[in-house]
Amino acid sequence: MSGLPGSGYGIRADGSCDPMGAWSISTPIAYSLKPWQLVASAGSLSPNSSFRFLDSSSGESTSNGTAAFTIGLPLGKYGQGTYTLMVLSGKLDNASNFTWTPPGQSGPVRFGIGVQDIGGGGGTQGEGPNHQDPGNSRSWYGVATYEGPKGIHASIGGGSNRFDSVFGNASANITPNLKGVVEYDVFNWNVGLGYDLGRLGASPRPGADLGASMFVGLVRGKYAYWSVSIRF
């Protein structure tokens, strides 16, 4: 789980969470959450094709778990922004992300820029070496997202370090609440299915709804991955 907007749940160009929006697994989307929208997510990547939960107490690592807490920022005339705090392990080591969608955009194509692992010490660079500083995993990116008919979305972008080449993702609705996702994350192809559970009730946040989505997929075509996201 990347902790970026749309990772494991749908996001629309206006910043709302919606199963008809753009979904991804680990690659950026140009959209940012609307102000004060909150999303809490948890996910796990298994070392094989069997779905596992978080690390067992036996001392042997059975999966790679991550939690993310994401909020839409009230930037007003400066566009839309999203901040994420990711907790990377049971030791509470963490990393922060930021995505900015510039103001004044309209039409089916939107642009965004951002950074994954602002502090550079979270080890989120994936397999890509950082030639300037091998110990720094700060990864900048720029991305364009296209919205087509009936929930079809496609994104393409590039950047530094973790995104030090061309990446892309595409998602399409199979049913109004079921989404198919495919992406190329610079290193590998990943695929999956997302399902949105819809409105579950009133959010603790005034004027907002409580909702949830689930995601299952394969990274590199062989490592099982799952995530759950709750929006409020």
Protein backbone atom coordinates (compact mmCIF):
# COMPACT_ATOMS: atom_id res chain seq x y z
CA MET A 1 0.00 0.00 0.00
CA SER A 2 1.43 3.32 -1.11
CA GLY A 3 -0.62 5.65 1.09
CA LEU A 4 -1.33 7.79 -1.99
CA PRO A 5 -4.84 9.04 -2.88
CA GLY A 6 -6.87 6.24 -4.49
CA SER A 7 -4.66 3.41 -3.23
CA GLY A 8 -7.24 0.70 -2.49
CA TYR A 9 -10.30 2.95 -2.85
CA GLY A 10 -11.95 5.11 -5.49
CA ILE A 11 -11.39 8.85 -5.78
CA ARG A 12 -13.09 11.30 -8.15
CA ALA A 13 -11.66 14.45 -9.71
CA ASP A 14 -13.62 16.57 -7.19
CA GLY A 15 -11.90 14.76 -4.31
CA SER A 16 -14.85 12.63 -3.21
CA CYS A 17 -14.45 8.93 -2.42
CA ASP A 18 -16.52 6.97 -4.94
CA PRO A 19 -16.27 3.45 -6.44
CA MET A 20 -16.73 5.01 -9.90
CA GLY A 21 -13.53 7.01 -9.35
CA ALA A 22 -9.90 6.17 -10.09
CA TRP A 23 -8.28 3.30 -8.16
CA SER A 24 -4.66 2.13 -7.91
CA ILE A 25 -2.50 -0.22 -5.87
CA SER A 26 0.83 1.58 -5.42
CA THR A 27 1.06 4.21 -8.18
CA PRO A 28 -0.02 7.89 -8.08
CA ILE A 29 -3.27 9.39 -9.32
CA ALA A 30 -3.58 13.13 -10.05
CA TYR A 31 -6.56 13.65 -7.74
CA SER A 32 -6.51 14.89 -4.13
CA LEU A 33 -9.12 14.32 -1.43
CA LYS A 34 -11.61 17.09 -0.77
CA PRO A 35 -10.94 19.20 2.35
CA TRP A 36 -11.12 17.30 5.64
CA GLN A 37 -12.05 13.98 3.99
CA LEU A 38 -10.47 11.27 6.13
CA VAL A 39 -9.42 7.76 5.05
CA ALA A 40 -7.86 5.12 7.30
CA SER A 41 -6.35 2.10 5.54
CA ALA A 42 -4.54 -1.11 6.40
CA GLY A 43 -2.95 -3.56 3.98
CA SER A 44 -0.61 -6.51 3.77
CA LEU A 45 1.66 -8.02 1.12
CA SER A 46 2.37 -11.75 1.42
CA PRO A 47 5.67 -13.43 0.46
CA ASN A 48 3.76 -15.78 -1.87
CA SER A 49 0.36 -16.17 -3.53
CA SER A 50 -1.45 -17.04 -0.28
CA PHE A 51 -3.30 -14.23 1.47
CA ARG A 52 -1.92 -13.61 4.95
CA PHE A 53 -2.64 -11.21 7.76
CA LEU A 54 0.00 -9.18 9.57
CA ASP A 55 3.28 -10.58 10.93
CA SER A 56 2.86 -13.59 13.19
CA SER A 57 4.21 -13.78 16.75
CA SER A 58 6.36 -16.79 15.87
CA GLY A 59 9.28 -14.58 14.90
CA GLU A 60 8.93 -15.45 11.23
CA SER A 61 7.62 -12.69 9.02
CA THR A 62 4.53 -13.90 7.19
CA SER A 63 3.53 -10.64 5.53
CA ASN A 64 4.46 -6.99 5.10
CA GLY A 65 1.79 -4.84 6.75
CA THR A 66 1.23 -1.09 6.46
CA ALA A 67 -1.33 1.32 7.88
CA ALA A 68 -2.12 4.75 6.44
CA PHE A 69 -4.05 7.76 7.73
CA THR A 70 -4.98 10.24 5.00
CA ILE A 71 -6.62 13.67 5.10
CA GLY A 72 -7.70 16.16 2.46
CA LEU A 73 -6.23 19.61 3.13
CA PRO A 74 -8.21 22.90 2.90
CA LEU A 75 -5.98 24.81 0.48
CA GLY A 76 -8.72 27.12 -0.85
CA LYS A 77 -7.65 29.04 -3.95
CA TYR A 78 -4.38 27.07 -4.05
CA GLY A 79 -6.07 23.87 -5.19
CA GLN A 80 -6.48 20.55 -3.42
CA GLY A 81 -3.93 18.72 -1.28
CA THR A 82 -3.69 15.38 0.47
CA TYR A 83 -1.42 14.42 3.37
CA THR A 84 -0.80 10.82 4.47
CA LEU A 85 0.99 9.39 7.48
CA MET A 86 2.03 5.77 6.88
CA VAL A 87 2.97 3.41 9.72
CA LEU A 88 5.33 0.89 8.17
CA SER A 89 5.75 -1.74 10.89
CA GLY A 90 4.96 -2.73 14.46
CA LYS A 91 7.97 -0.64 15.52
CA LEU A 92 5.93 2.42 14.48
CA ASP A 93 8.50 3.62 11.95
CA ASN A 94 6.64 5.91 9.58
CA ALA A 95 6.71 7.99 6.44
CA SER A 96 4.64 10.91 5.14
CA ASN A 97 3.28 11.66 1.66
CA PHE A 98 1.85 14.78 0.05
CA THR A 99 -0.12 15.18 -3.18
CA TRP A 100 -1.11 18.52 -4.73
CA THR A 101 -3.69 19.01 -7.46
CA PRO A 102 -3.29 22.57 -8.84
CA PRO A 103 -6.38 24.81 -9.08
CA GLY A 104 -8.21 25.88 -12.23
CA GLN A 105 -8.38 22.47 -13.88
CA SER A 106 -11.39 21.13 -15.79
CA GLY A 107 -12.13 18.53 -18.43
CA PRO A 108 -11.30 14.81 -18.51
CA VAL A 109 -7.54 15.18 -17.89
CA ARG A 110 -6.16 16.48 -14.59
CA PHE A 111 -2.57 16.92 -13.40
CA GLY A 112 -1.00 16.49 -10.00
CA ILE A 113 2.42 16.46 -8.36
CA GLY A 114 3.57 15.01 -5.08
CA VAL A 115 6.16 13.31 -2.95
CA GLN A 116 6.20 9.92 -1.26
CA ASP A 117 8.21 9.69 1.97
CA ILE A 118 8.82 13.39 2.61
CA GLY A 119 11.50 12.72 5.25
CA GLY A 120 13.33 10.23 3.06
CA GLY A 121 13.96 7.68 5.81
CA GLY A 122 10.98 5.36 5.42
CA GLY A 123 12.55 2.95 2.96
CA THR A 124 9.66 3.32 0.50
CA GLN A 125 11.81 3.55 -2.62
CA GLY A 126 11.02 -0.01 -3.72
CA GLU A 127 13.70 -1.57 -5.88
CA GLY A 128 15.02 1.59 -7.45
CA PRO A 129 18.43 2.87 -6.38
CA ASN A 130 18.70 6.54 -5.53
CA HIS A 131 21.89 7.49 -7.30
CA GLN A 132 22.28 10.75 -5.38
CA ASP A 133 21.76 9.27 -1.92
CA PRO A 134 21.20 5.51 -1.49
CA GLY A 135 19.89 6.10 2.04
CA ASN A 136 17.18 8.55 0.96
CA SER A 137 13.85 7.16 -0.23
CA ARG A 138 12.13 10.52 -0.87
CA SER A 139 10.36 10.12 -4.24
CA TRP A 140 8.90 13.00 -6.26
CA TYR A 141 6.37 12.47 -9.03
CA GLY A 142 4.16 14.17 -11.58
CA VAL A 143 1.07 12.44 -12.94
CA ALA A 144 -1.82 13.00 -15.35
CA THR A 145 -5.15 11.21 -14.90
CA TYR A 146 -7.80 10.77 -17.59
CA GLU A 147 -11.46 10.15 -16.76
CA GLY A 148 -13.40 8.30 -19.43
CA PRO A 149 -17.00 7.10 -19.61
CA LYS A 150 -18.62 4.70 -17.14
CA GLY A 151 -15.89 4.90 -14.50
CA ILE A 152 -12.88 4.26 -16.74
CA HIS A 153 -9.71 6.02 -15.54
CA ALA A 154 -6.08 5.93 -16.66
CA SER A 155 -3.00 7.64 -15.22
CA ILE A 156 0.56 8.04 -16.45
CA GLY A 157 3.52 9.78 -14.87
CA GLY A 158 7.13 9.73 -13.81
CA GLY A 159 9.48 11.12 -11.22
CA SER A 160 12.48 10.30 -9.07
CA ASN A 161 13.74 7.39 -6.99
CA ARG A 162 10.72 5.10 -6.42
CA PHE A 163 9.14 6.58 -9.56
CA ASP A 164 12.37 6.95 -11.55
CA SER A 165 10.78 5.93 -14.86
CA VAL A 166 7.33 5.82 -16.44
CA PHE A 167 4.52 4.40 -14.30
CA GLY A 168 0.84 4.03 -15.05
CA ASN A 169 -2.47 2.63 -13.88
CA ALA A 170 -5.91 1.95 -15.31
CA SER A 171 -9.19 1.04 -13.63
CA ALA A 172 -12.66 0.20 -14.90
CA ASN A 173 -15.96 -0.69 -13.27
CA ILE A 174 -17.23 -4.24 -13.67
CA THR A 175 -20.33 -3.31 -11.65
CA PRO A 176 -21.10 0.05 -9.99
CA ASN A 177 -19.26 -1.09 -6.83
CA LEU A 178 -16.69 -3.54 -8.27
CA LYS A 179 -13.53 -2.20 -9.91
CA GLY A 180 -10.80 -3.92 -11.91
CA VAL A 181 -7.32 -2.38 -11.60
CA VAL A 182 -4.05 -2.89 -13.47
CA GLU A 183 -0.84 -0.90 -13.01
CA TYR A 184 2.82 -0.77 -13.92
CA ASP A 185 4.78 0.55 -10.93
CA VAL A 186 8.13 1.12 -12.75
CA PHE A 187 9.37 -2.34 -11.70
CA ASN A 188 6.42 -4.73 -12.01
CA TRP A 189 2.87 -5.28 -13.24
CA ASN A 190 0.21 -5.49 -10.54
CA VAL A 191 -3.47 -6.40 -10.84
CA GLY A 192 -6.45 -6.51 -8.50
CA LEU A 193 -10.13 -6.08 -7.74
CA GLY A 194 -11.64 -3.46 -5.48
CA TYR A 195 -15.11 -3.55 -3.95
CA ASP A 196 -16.84 -0.60 -2.31
CA LEU A 197 -19.28 -1.40 0.51
CA GLY A 198 -21.05 1.92 0.09
CA ARG A 199 -22.47 4.05 2.86
CA LEU A 200 -22.33 2.32 6.25
CA GLY A 201 -23.83 5.12 8.30
CA ALA A 202 -23.11 8.61 9.54
CA SER A 203 -19.51 9.63 10.08
CA PRO A 204 -18.29 10.96 13.45
CA ARG A 205 -17.32 13.99 11.35
CA PRO A 206 -20.37 16.30 10.98
CA GLY A 207 -21.95 16.24 7.52
CA ALA A 208 -19.93 13.26 6.27
CA ASP A 209 -20.74 9.62 5.59
CA LEU A 210 -19.01 6.52 6.90
CA GLY A 211 -18.01 4.10 4.13
CA ALA A 212 -15.53 1.34 3.37
CA SER A 213 -13.81 -0.48 0.52
CA MET A 214 -11.84 -3.71 0.19
CA PHE A 215 -9.11 -4.64 -2.26
CA VAL A 216 -7.37 -7.90 -3.22
CA GLY A 217 -4.70 -8.37 -5.84
CA LEU A 218 -1.38 -9.77 -6.99
CA VAL A 219 1.91 -7.85 -7.04
CA ARG A 220 4.32 -9.05 -9.74
CA GLY A 221 1.62 -11.56 -10.54
CA LYS A 222 2.64 -13.80 -7.63
CA TYR A 223 2.52 -11.96 -4.28
CA ALA A 224 -0.94 -11.76 -2.71
CA TYR A 225 -2.01 -8.34 -1.48
CA TRP A 226 -5.09 -7.09 0.40
CA SER A 227 -6.23 -3.83 1.91
CA VAL A 228 -9.22 -2.34 3.70
CA SER A 229 -10.04 1.39 3.71
CA ILE A 230 -12.55 3.23 5.87
CA ARG A 231 -13.62 6.77 4.97
CA PHE A 232 -15.27 9.20 7.30
